[in-house]
Amino acid sequence: MRVVLGEADDPDGGVQHGALLRAFAMAALGKEGDVAATRAALVEAVGPARSGQAARIVASFDGINRVADATGIRLDDGARVRPLIEELRLETWLTE
């Protein structure tokens, strides 16, 4: 989660091109960066097929979140999940 939030010591998070994948996802979601530039960098780094796969994954997760929001589903307030939500400031991050 620290990688997703851009707070990890290793920006790749142990994933090849992880920082670039994060940058693309954030740009595609309108959170930060230029989507055209990050898409071009991603295509250059991993090729068109893998960058297309990354785009499909981002779109799928965004779609799932939009459905959850539209139906009123919020992050779980269960005792096991709440400390992680608070530590990573997920409620704030997801609603920005």
PDB file of N, CA and C in Angstrom:
ATOM      1  N   MET A   1       0.816  -1.188   0.000  1.00  0.00           N
ATOM      2  CA  MET A   1       0.000   0.000   0.000  1.00  0.00           C
ATOM      3  C   MET A   1       0.865   1.259   0.000  1.00  0.00           C
ATOM      4  N   ARG A   2       2.030   1.191   0.607  1.00  0.00           N
ATOM      5  CA  ARG A   2       2.911   2.369   0.601  1.00  0.00           C
ATOM      6  C   ARG A   2       3.340   2.705  -0.825  1.00  0.00           C
ATOM      7  N   VAL A   3       3.529   1.701  -1.657  1.00  0.00           N
ATOM      8  CA  VAL A   3       3.875   1.943  -3.060  1.00  0.00           C
ATOM      9  C   VAL A   3       2.722   2.660  -3.748  1.00  0.00           C
ATOM     10  N   VAL A   4       1.515   2.184  -3.547  1.00  0.00           N
ATOM     11  CA  VAL A   4       0.337   2.791  -4.163  1.00  0.00           C
ATOM     12  C   VAL A   4       0.193   4.249  -3.748  1.00  0.00           C
ATOM     13  N   LEU A   5       0.481   4.528  -2.486  1.00  0.00           N
ATOM     14  CA  LEU A   5       0.363   5.883  -1.977  1.00  0.00           C
ATOM     15  C   LEU A   5       1.563   6.759  -2.334  1.00  0.00           C
ATOM     16  N   GLY A   6       2.597   6.158  -2.963  1.00  0.00           N
ATOM     17  CA  GLY A   6       3.784   6.914  -3.341  1.00  0.00           C
ATOM     18  C   GLY A   6       4.688   7.212  -2.163  1.00  0.00           C
ATOM     19  N   GLU A   7       4.620   6.385  -1.122  1.00  0.00           N
ATOM     20  CA  GLU A   7       5.382   6.627   0.096  1.00  0.00           C
ATOM     21  C   GLU A   7       6.402   5.537   0.397  1.00  0.00           C
ATOM     22  N   ALA A   8       6.638   4.617  -0.527  1.00  0.00           N
ATOM     23  CA  ALA A   8       7.530   3.488  -0.276  1.00  0.00           C
ATOM     24  C   ALA A   8       8.993   3.873  -0.439  1.00  0.00           C
ATOM     25  N   ASP A   9       9.856   3.199   0.322  1.00  0.00           N
ATOM     26  CA  ASP A   9      11.295   3.394   0.156  1.00  0.00           C
ATOM     27  C   ASP A   9      11.738   2.958  -1.231  1.00  0.00           C
ATOM     28  N   ASP A  10      11.167   1.866  -1.722  1.00  0.00           N
ATOM     29  CA  ASP A  10      11.450   1.365  -3.067  1.00  0.00           C
ATOM     30  C   ASP A  10      10.240   1.701  -3.941  1.00  0.00           C
ATOM     31  N   PRO A  11      10.333   2.723  -4.798  1.00  0.00           N
ATOM     32  CA  PRO A  11       9.162   3.138  -5.579  1.00  0.00           C
ATOM     33  C   PRO A  11       8.623   2.058  -6.515  1.00  0.00           C
ATOM     34  N   ASP A  12       9.463   1.069  -6.861  1.00  0.00           N
ATOM     35  CA  ASP A  12       8.977  -0.031  -7.699  1.00  0.00           C
ATOM     36  C   ASP A  12       8.270  -1.103  -6.875  1.00  0.00           C
ATOM     37  N   GLY A  13       8.469  -1.111  -5.572  1.00  0.00           N
ATOM     38  CA  GLY A  13       7.806  -2.079  -4.702  1.00  0.00           C
ATOM     39  C   GLY A  13       8.129  -3.517  -5.029  1.00  0.00           C
ATOM     40  N   GLY A  14       9.301  -3.752  -5.615  1.00  0.00           N
ATOM     41  CA  GLY A  14       9.689  -5.111  -5.965  1.00  0.00           C
ATOM     42  C   GLY A  14       9.066  -5.612  -7.263  1.00  0.00           C
ATOM     43  N   VAL A  15       8.378  -4.731  -7.973  1.00  0.00           N
ATOM     44  CA  VAL A  15       7.725  -5.093  -9.231  1.00  0.00           C
ATOM     45  C   VAL A  15       8.455  -4.375 -10.368  1.00  0.00           C
ATOM     46  N   GLN A  16       8.815  -5.117 -11.395  1.00  0.00           N
ATOM     47  CA  GLN A  16       9.490  -4.497 -12.533  1.00  0.00           C
ATOM     48  C   GLN A  16       8.602  -3.382 -13.105  1.00  0.00           C
ATOM     49  N   HIS A  17       9.153  -2.187 -13.221  1.00  0.00           N
ATOM     50  CA  HIS A  17       8.446  -0.998 -13.715  1.00  0.00           C
ATOM     51  C   HIS A  17       7.305  -0.572 -12.784  1.00  0.00           C
ATOM     52  N   GLY A  18       7.395  -0.959 -11.512  1.00  0.00           N
ATOM     53  CA  GLY A  18       6.331  -0.657 -10.560  1.00  0.00           C
ATOM     54  C   GLY A  18       6.026   0.826 -10.432  1.00  0.00           C
ATOM     55  N   ALA A  19       7.062   1.659 -10.375  1.00  0.00           N
ATOM     56  CA  ALA A  19       6.838   3.101 -10.237  1.00  0.00           C
ATOM     57  C   ALA A  19       6.147   3.664 -11.479  1.00  0.00           C
ATOM     58  N   LEU A  20       6.519   3.158 -12.638  1.00  0.00           N
ATOM     59  CA  LEU A  20       5.891   3.610 -13.880  1.00  0.00           C
ATOM     60  C   LEU A  20       4.438   3.141 -13.955  1.00  0.00           C
ATOM     61  N   LEU A  21       4.177   1.922 -13.527  1.00  0.00           N
ATOM     62  CA  LEU A  21       2.798   1.421 -13.493  1.00  0.00           C
ATOM     63  C   LEU A  21       1.936   2.251 -12.541  1.00  0.00           C
ATOM     64  N   ARG A  22       2.508   2.607 -11.393  1.00  0.00           N
ATOM     65  CA  ARG A  22       1.781   3.452 -10.450  1.00  0.00           C
ATOM     66  C   ARG A  22       1.505   4.820 -11.065  1.00  0.00           C
ATOM     67  N   ALA A  23       2.529   5.401 -11.708  1.00  0.00           N
ATOM     68  CA  ALA A  23       2.365   6.719 -12.333  1.00  0.00           C
ATOM     69  C   ALA A  23       1.267   6.680 -13.387  1.00  0.00           C
ATOM     70  N   PHE A  24       1.229   5.599 -14.172  1.00  0.00           N
ATOM     71  CA  PHE A  24       0.196   5.464 -15.198  1.00  0.00           C
ATOM     72  C   PHE A  24      -1.189   5.364 -14.565  1.00  0.00           C
ATOM     73  N   ALA A  25      -1.314   4.534 -13.536  1.00  0.00           N
ATOM     74  CA  ALA A  25      -2.616   4.378 -12.874  1.00  0.00           C
ATOM     75  C   ALA A  25      -3.088   5.701 -12.284  1.00  0.00           C
ATOM     76  N   MET A  26      -2.184   6.417 -11.626  1.00  0.00           N
ATOM     77  CA  MET A  26      -2.557   7.693 -11.017  1.00  0.00           C
ATOM     78  C   MET A  26      -2.963   8.706 -12.091  1.00  0.00           C
ATOM     79  N   ALA A  27      -2.250   8.736 -13.194  1.00  0.00           N
ATOM     80  CA  ALA A  27      -2.601   9.667 -14.279  1.00  0.00           C
ATOM     81  C   ALA A  27      -3.934   9.278 -14.909  1.00  0.00           C
ATOM     82  N   ALA A  28      -4.131   7.976 -15.141  1.00  0.00           N
ATOM     83  CA  ALA A  28      -5.379   7.512 -15.755  1.00  0.00           C
ATOM     84  C   ALA A  28      -6.579   7.820 -14.874  1.00  0.00           C
ATOM     85  N   LEU A  29      -6.379   7.818 -13.574  1.00  0.00           N
ATOM     86  CA  LEU A  29      -7.471   8.115 -12.633  1.00  0.00           C
ATOM     87  C   LEU A  29      -7.613   9.605 -12.370  1.00  0.00           C
ATOM     88  N   GLY A  30      -6.770  10.401 -13.003  1.00  0.00           N
ATOM     89  CA  GLY A  30      -6.858  11.846 -12.845  1.00  0.00           C
ATOM     90  C   GLY A  30      -6.335  12.349 -11.517  1.00  0.00           C
ATOM     91  N   LYS A  31      -5.521  11.555 -10.844  1.00  0.00           N
ATOM     92  CA  LYS A  31      -5.001  11.936  -9.531  1.00  0.00           C
ATOM     93  C   LYS A  31      -3.742  12.789  -9.647  1.00  0.00           C
ATOM     94  N   GLU A  32      -2.844  12.444 -10.586  1.00  0.00           N
ATOM     95  CA  GLU A  32      -1.602  13.201 -10.748  1.00  0.00           C
ATOM     96  C   GLU A  32      -0.943  12.812 -12.064  1.00  0.00           C
ATOM     97  N   GLY A  33      -0.290  13.760 -12.698  1.00  0.00           N
ATOM     98  CA  GLY A  33       0.471  13.481 -13.910  1.00  0.00           C
ATOM     99  C   GLY A  33      -0.352  13.573 -15.181  1.00  0.00           C
ATOM    100  N   ASP A  34       0.368  13.469 -16.282  1.00  0.00           N
ATOM    101  CA  ASP A  34      -0.209  13.553 -17.622  1.00  0.00           C
ATOM    102  C   ASP A  34      -0.395  12.148 -18.177  1.00  0.00           C
ATOM    103  N   VAL A  35      -1.630  11.770 -18.432  1.00  0.00           N
ATOM    104  CA  VAL A  35      -1.910  10.396 -18.857  1.00  0.00           C
ATOM    105  C   VAL A  35      -1.257  10.069 -20.200  1.00  0.00           C
ATOM    106  N   ALA A  36      -1.227  10.999 -21.136  1.00  0.00           N
ATOM    107  CA  ALA A  36      -0.618  10.719 -22.442  1.00  0.00           C
ATOM    108  C   ALA A  36       0.872  10.463 -22.305  1.00  0.00           C
ATOM    109  N   ALA A  37       1.538  11.264 -21.500  1.00  0.00           N
ATOM    110  CA  ALA A  37       2.985  11.102 -21.316  1.00  0.00           C
ATOM    111  C   ALA A  37       3.314   9.809 -20.583  1.00  0.00           C
ATOM    112  N   THR A  38       2.551   9.497 -19.536  1.00  0.00           N
ATOM    113  CA  THR A  38       2.842   8.264 -18.800  1.00  0.00           C
ATOM    114  C   THR A  38       2.472   7.033 -19.622  1.00  0.00           C
ATOM    115  N   ARG A  39       1.431   7.141 -20.418  1.00  0.00           N
ATOM    116  CA  ARG A  39       1.076   6.020 -21.304  1.00  0.00           C
ATOM    117  C   ARG A  39       2.190   5.783 -22.312  1.00  0.00           C
ATOM    118  N   ALA A  40       2.720   6.838 -22.895  1.00  0.00           N
ATOM    119  CA  ALA A  40       3.815   6.708 -23.864  1.00  0.00           C
ATOM    120  C   ALA A  40       5.053   6.095 -23.217  1.00  0.00           C
ATOM    121  N   ALA A  41       5.362   6.525 -21.995  1.00  0.00           N
ATOM    122  CA  ALA A  41       6.511   5.961 -21.282  1.00  0.00           C
ATOM    123  C   ALA A  41       6.282   4.489 -20.964  1.00  0.00           C
ATOM    124  N   LEU A  42       5.055   4.136 -20.612  1.00  0.00           N
ATOM    125  CA  LEU A  42       4.733   2.744 -20.303  1.00  0.00           C
ATOM    126  C   LEU A  42       4.836   1.873 -21.549  1.00  0.00           C
ATOM    127  N   VAL A  43       4.311   2.348 -22.663  1.00  0.00           N
ATOM    128  CA  VAL A  43       4.412   1.600 -23.924  1.00  0.00           C
ATOM    129  C   VAL A  43       5.882   1.387 -24.285  1.00  0.00           C
ATOM    130  N   GLU A  44       6.682   2.419 -24.116  1.00  0.00           N
ATOM    131  CA  GLU A  44       8.119   2.319 -24.405  1.00  0.00           C
ATOM    132  C   GLU A  44       8.796   1.278 -23.517  1.00  0.00           C
ATOM    133  N   ALA A  45       8.413   1.247 -22.243  1.00  0.00           N
ATOM    134  CA  ALA A  45       9.059   0.350 -21.278  1.00  0.00           C
ATOM    135  C   ALA A  45       8.605  -1.101 -21.383  1.00  0.00           C
ATOM    136  N   VAL A  46       7.309  -1.325 -21.589  1.00  0.00           N
ATOM    137  CA  VAL A  46       6.790  -2.701 -21.523  1.00  0.00           C
ATOM    138  C   VAL A  46       6.145  -3.178 -22.815  1.00  0.00           C
ATOM    139  N   GLY A  47       5.960  -2.288 -23.775  1.00  0.00           N
ATOM    140  CA  GLY A  47       5.337  -2.660 -25.038  1.00  0.00           C
ATOM    141  C   GLY A  47       3.845  -2.407 -25.035  1.00  0.00           C
ATOM    142  N   PRO A  48       3.255  -2.401 -26.219  1.00  0.00           N
ATOM    143  CA  PRO A  48       1.832  -2.076 -26.333  1.00  0.00           C
ATOM    144  C   PRO A  48       0.896  -3.108 -25.699  1.00  0.00           C
ATOM    145  N   ALA A  49       1.230  -4.387 -25.786  1.00  0.00           N
ATOM    146  CA  ALA A  49       0.334  -5.411 -25.231  1.00  0.00           C
ATOM    147  C   ALA A  49       0.252  -5.304 -23.708  1.00  0.00           C
ATOM    148  N   ARG A  50       1.414  -5.195 -23.066  1.00  0.00           N
ATOM    149  CA  ARG A  50       1.415  -5.113 -21.598  1.00  0.00           C
ATOM    150  C   ARG A  50       0.866  -3.774 -21.108  1.00  0.00           C
ATOM    151  N   SER A  51       1.114  -2.711 -21.833  1.00  0.00           N
ATOM    152  CA  SER A  51       0.546  -1.426 -21.415  1.00  0.00           C
ATOM    153  C   SER A  51      -0.970  -1.453 -21.581  1.00  0.00           C
ATOM    154  N   GLY A  52      -1.460  -2.137 -22.595  1.00  0.00           N
ATOM    155  CA  GLY A  52      -2.905  -2.313 -22.758  1.00  0.00           C
ATOM    156  C   GLY A  52      -3.500  -3.115 -21.618  1.00  0.00           C
ATOM    157  N   GLN A  53      -2.772  -4.130 -21.178  1.00  0.00           N
ATOM    158  CA  GLN A  53      -3.231  -4.926 -20.039  1.00  0.00           C
ATOM    159  C   GLN A  53      -3.289  -4.056 -18.783  1.00  0.00           C
ATOM    160  N   ALA A  54      -2.284  -3.215 -18.585  1.00  0.00           N
ATOM    161  CA  ALA A  54      -2.290  -2.312 -17.426  1.00  0.00           C
ATOM    162  C   ALA A  54      -3.493  -1.376 -17.490  1.00  0.00           C
ATOM    163  N   ALA A  55      -3.801  -0.863 -18.671  1.00  0.00           N
ATOM    164  CA  ALA A  55      -4.949   0.033 -18.826  1.00  0.00           C
ATOM    165  C   ALA A  55      -6.254  -0.691 -18.498  1.00  0.00           C
ATOM    166  N   ARG A  56      -6.372  -1.940 -18.908  1.00  0.00           N
ATOM    167  CA  ARG A  56      -7.582  -2.711 -18.598  1.00  0.00           C
ATOM    168  C   ARG A  56      -7.726  -2.939 -17.094  1.00  0.00           C
ATOM    169  N   ILE A  57      -6.614  -3.198 -16.425  1.00  0.00           N
ATOM    170  CA  ILE A  57      -6.657  -3.413 -14.977  1.00  0.00           C
ATOM    171  C   ILE A  57      -7.079  -2.134 -14.264  1.00  0.00           C
ATOM    172  N   VAL A  58      -6.491  -0.999 -14.637  1.00  0.00           N
ATOM    173  CA  VAL A  58      -6.857   0.283 -14.033  1.00  0.00           C
ATOM    174  C   VAL A  58      -8.347   0.553 -14.254  1.00  0.00           C
ATOM    175  N   ALA A  59      -8.808   0.350 -15.479  1.00  0.00           N
ATOM    176  CA  ALA A  59     -10.215   0.607 -15.793  1.00  0.00           C
ATOM    177  C   ALA A  59     -11.143  -0.318 -15.005  1.00  0.00           C
ATOM    178  N   SER A  60     -10.758  -1.585 -14.864  1.00  0.00           N
ATOM    179  CA  SER A  60     -11.588  -2.535 -14.111  1.00  0.00           C
ATOM    180  C   SER A  60     -11.717  -2.133 -12.655  1.00  0.00           C
ATOM    181  N   PHE A  61     -10.603  -1.807 -12.017  1.00  0.00           N
ATOM    182  CA  PHE A  61     -10.651  -1.410 -10.617  1.00  0.00           C
ATOM    183  C   PHE A  61     -11.421  -0.115 -10.441  1.00  0.00           C
ATOM    184  N   ASP A  62     -11.224   0.832 -11.343  1.00  0.00           N
ATOM    185  CA  ASP A  62     -11.961   2.084 -11.255  1.00  0.00           C
ATOM    186  C   ASP A  62     -13.460   1.829 -11.404  1.00  0.00           C
ATOM    187  N   GLY A  63     -13.825   0.954 -12.318  1.00  0.00           N
ATOM    188  CA  GLY A  63     -15.243   0.617 -12.507  1.00  0.00           C
ATOM    189  C   GLY A  63     -15.851  -0.019 -11.281  1.00  0.00           C
ATOM    190  N   ILE A  64     -15.111  -0.931 -10.660  1.00  0.00           N
ATOM    191  CA  ILE A  64     -15.599  -1.583  -9.443  1.00  0.00           C
ATOM    192  C   ILE A  64     -15.809  -0.546  -8.345  1.00  0.00           C
ATOM    193  N   ASN A  65     -14.853   0.381  -8.203  1.00  0.00           N
ATOM    194  CA  ASN A  65     -14.990   1.426  -7.180  1.00  0.00           C
ATOM    195  C   ASN A  65     -16.187   2.326  -7.460  1.00  0.00           C
ATOM    196  N   ARG A  66     -16.433   2.646  -8.716  1.00  0.00           N
ATOM    197  CA  ARG A  66     -17.572   3.501  -9.057  1.00  0.00           C
ATOM    198  C   ARG A  66     -18.896   2.808  -8.735  1.00  0.00           C
ATOM    199  N   VAL A  67     -18.975   1.519  -9.002  1.00  0.00           N
ATOM    200  CA  VAL A  67     -20.189   0.769  -8.666  1.00  0.00           C
ATOM    201  C   VAL A  67     -20.383   0.750  -7.154  1.00  0.00           C
ATOM    202  N   ALA A  68     -19.303   0.493  -6.417  1.00  0.00           N
ATOM    203  CA  ALA A  68     -19.403   0.483  -4.950  1.00  0.00           C
ATOM    204  C   ALA A  68     -19.861   1.843  -4.432  1.00  0.00           C
ATOM    205  N   ASP A  69     -19.271   2.911  -4.956  1.00  0.00           N
ATOM    206  CA  ASP A  69     -19.672   4.257  -4.532  1.00  0.00           C
ATOM    207  C   ASP A  69     -21.134   4.535  -4.865  1.00  0.00           C
ATOM    208  N   ALA A  70     -21.562   4.143  -6.059  1.00  0.00           N
ATOM    209  CA  ALA A  70     -22.938   4.413  -6.489  1.00  0.00           C
ATOM    210  C   ALA A  70     -23.962   3.666  -5.648  1.00  0.00           C
ATOM    211  N   THR A  71     -23.569   2.504  -5.119  1.00  0.00           N
ATOM    212  CA  THR A  71     -24.495   1.730  -4.305  1.00  0.00           C
ATOM    213  C   THR A  71     -24.370   2.045  -2.821  1.00  0.00           C
ATOM    214  N   GLY A  72     -23.451   2.964  -2.490  1.00  0.00           N
ATOM    215  CA  GLY A  72     -23.310   3.371  -1.096  1.00  0.00           C
ATOM    216  C   GLY A  72     -22.384   2.508  -0.272  1.00  0.00           C
ATOM    217  N   ILE A  73     -21.672   1.593  -0.900  1.00  0.00           N
ATOM    218  CA  ILE A  73     -20.737   0.744  -0.155  1.00  0.00           C
ATOM    219  C   ILE A  73     -19.523   1.584   0.226  1.00  0.00           C
ATOM    220  N   ARG A  74     -19.159   1.565   1.471  1.00  0.00           N
ATOM    221  CA  ARG A  74     -17.990   2.290   1.967  1.00  0.00           C
ATOM    222  C   ARG A  74     -16.935   1.287   2.414  1.00  0.00           C
ATOM    223  N   LEU A  75     -15.752   1.780   2.723  1.00  0.00           N
ATOM    224  CA  LEU A  75     -14.700   0.905   3.246  1.00  0.00           C
ATOM    225  C   LEU A  75     -15.188   0.230   4.517  1.00  0.00           C
ATOM    226  N   ASP A  76     -14.805  -1.008   4.688  1.00  0.00           N
ATOM    227  CA  ASP A  76     -15.209  -1.804   5.851  1.00  0.00           C
ATOM    228  C   ASP A  76     -14.744  -1.146   7.151  1.00  0.00           C
ATOM    229  N   ASP A  77     -15.647  -1.023   8.097  1.00  0.00           N
ATOM    230  CA  ASP A  77     -15.304  -0.483   9.406  1.00  0.00           C
ATOM    231  C   ASP A  77     -14.936  -1.581  10.397  1.00  0.00           C
ATOM    232  N   GLY A  78     -14.786  -2.802   9.928  1.00  0.00           N
ATOM    233  CA  GLY A  78     -14.456  -3.920  10.806  1.00  0.00           C
ATOM    234  C   GLY A  78     -13.171  -3.677  11.582  1.00  0.00           C
ATOM    235  N   ALA A  79     -13.105  -4.243  12.766  1.00  0.00           N
ATOM    236  CA  ALA A  79     -11.977  -4.015  13.671  1.00  0.00           C
ATOM    237  C   ALA A  79     -10.638  -4.419  13.045  1.00  0.00           C
ATOM    238  N   ARG A  80     -10.623  -5.429  12.203  1.00  0.00           N
ATOM    239  CA  ARG A  80      -9.360  -5.886  11.618  1.00  0.00           C
ATOM    240  C   ARG A  80      -8.864  -4.954  10.527  1.00  0.00           C
ATOM    241  N   VAL A  81      -9.737  -4.269   9.833  1.00  0.00           N
ATOM    242  CA  VAL A  81      -9.370  -3.431   8.694  1.00  0.00           C
ATOM    243  C   VAL A  81      -9.166  -1.968   9.090  1.00  0.00           C
ATOM    244  N   ARG A  82      -9.903  -1.490  10.056  1.00  0.00           N
ATOM    245  CA  ARG A  82      -9.874  -0.072  10.421  1.00  0.00           C
ATOM    246  C   ARG A  82      -8.468   0.454  10.723  1.00  0.00           C
ATOM    247  N   PRO A  83      -7.603  -0.245  11.490  1.00  0.00           N
ATOM    248  CA  PRO A  83      -6.262   0.302  11.743  1.00  0.00           C
ATOM    249  C   PRO A  83      -5.450   0.526  10.462  1.00  0.00           C
ATOM    250  N   LEU A  84      -5.558  -0.366   9.506  1.00  0.00           N
ATOM    251  CA  LEU A  84      -4.844  -0.206   8.242  1.00  0.00           C
ATOM    252  C   LEU A  84      -5.404   0.976   7.452  1.00  0.00           C
ATOM    253  N   ILE A  85      -6.718   1.121   7.425  1.00  0.00           N
ATOM    254  CA  ILE A  85      -7.351   2.245   6.740  1.00  0.00           C
ATOM    255  C   ILE A  85      -6.868   3.563   7.336  1.00  0.00           C
ATOM    256  N   GLU A  86      -6.798   3.629   8.654  1.00  0.00           N
ATOM    257  CA  GLU A  86      -6.364   4.856   9.315  1.00  0.00           C
ATOM    258  C   GLU A  86      -4.876   5.116   9.118  1.00  0.00           C
ATOM    259  N   GLU A  87      -4.053   4.083   9.249  1.00  0.00           N
ATOM    260  CA  GLU A  87      -2.607   4.244   9.095  1.00  0.00           C
ATOM    261  C   GLU A  87      -2.242   4.765   7.712  1.00  0.00           C
ATOM    262  N   LEU A  88      -2.897   4.255   6.701  1.00  0.00           N
ATOM    263  CA  LEU A  88      -2.579   4.631   5.321  1.00  0.00           C
ATOM    264  C   LEU A  88      -3.432   5.789   4.810  1.00  0.00           C
ATOM    265  N   ARG A  89      -4.325   6.305   5.652  1.00  0.00           N
ATOM    266  CA  ARG A  89      -5.191   7.428   5.294  1.00  0.00           C
ATOM    267  C   ARG A  89      -6.002   7.113   4.028  1.00  0.00           C
ATOM    268  N   LEU A  90      -6.524   5.908   3.937  1.00  0.00           N
ATOM    269  CA  LEU A  90      -7.229   5.479   2.733  1.00  0.00           C
ATOM    270  C   LEU A  90      -8.543   6.201   2.514  1.00  0.00           C
ATOM    271  N   GLU A  91      -9.291   6.486   3.559  1.00  0.00           N
ATOM    272  CA  GLU A  91     -10.568   7.200   3.385  1.00  0.00           C
ATOM    273  C   GLU A  91     -10.332   8.532   2.675  1.00  0.00           C
ATOM    274  N   THR A  92      -9.329   9.259   3.110  1.00  0.00           N
ATOM    275  CA  THR A  92      -9.009  10.556   2.506  1.00  0.00           C
ATOM    276  C   THR A  92      -8.490  10.367   1.101  1.00  0.00           C
ATOM    277  N   TRP A  93      -7.576   9.433   0.915  1.00  0.00           N
ATOM    278  CA  TRP A  93      -6.948   9.224  -0.397  1.00  0.00           C
ATOM    279  C   TRP A  93      -7.979   8.809  -1.444  1.00  0.00           C
ATOM    280  N   LEU A  94      -8.898   7.940  -1.073  1.00  0.00           N
ATOM    281  CA  LEU A  94      -9.878   7.452  -2.044  1.00  0.00           C
ATOM    282  C   LEU A  94     -10.896   8.507  -2.433  1.00  0.00           C
ATOM    283  N   THR A  95     -11.128   9.479  -1.592  1.00  0.00           N
ATOM    284  CA  THR A  95     -12.143  10.482  -1.888  1.00  0.00           C
ATOM    285  C   THR A  95     -11.578  11.775  -2.467  1.00  0.00           C
ATOM    286  N   GLU A  96     -10.252  11.879  -2.590  1.00  0.00           N
ATOM    287  CA  GLU A  96      -9.647  13.098  -3.156  1.00  0.00           C
ATOM    288  C   GLU A  96      -9.960  13.235  -4.626  1.00  0.00           C
TER     289      GLU A  96
END
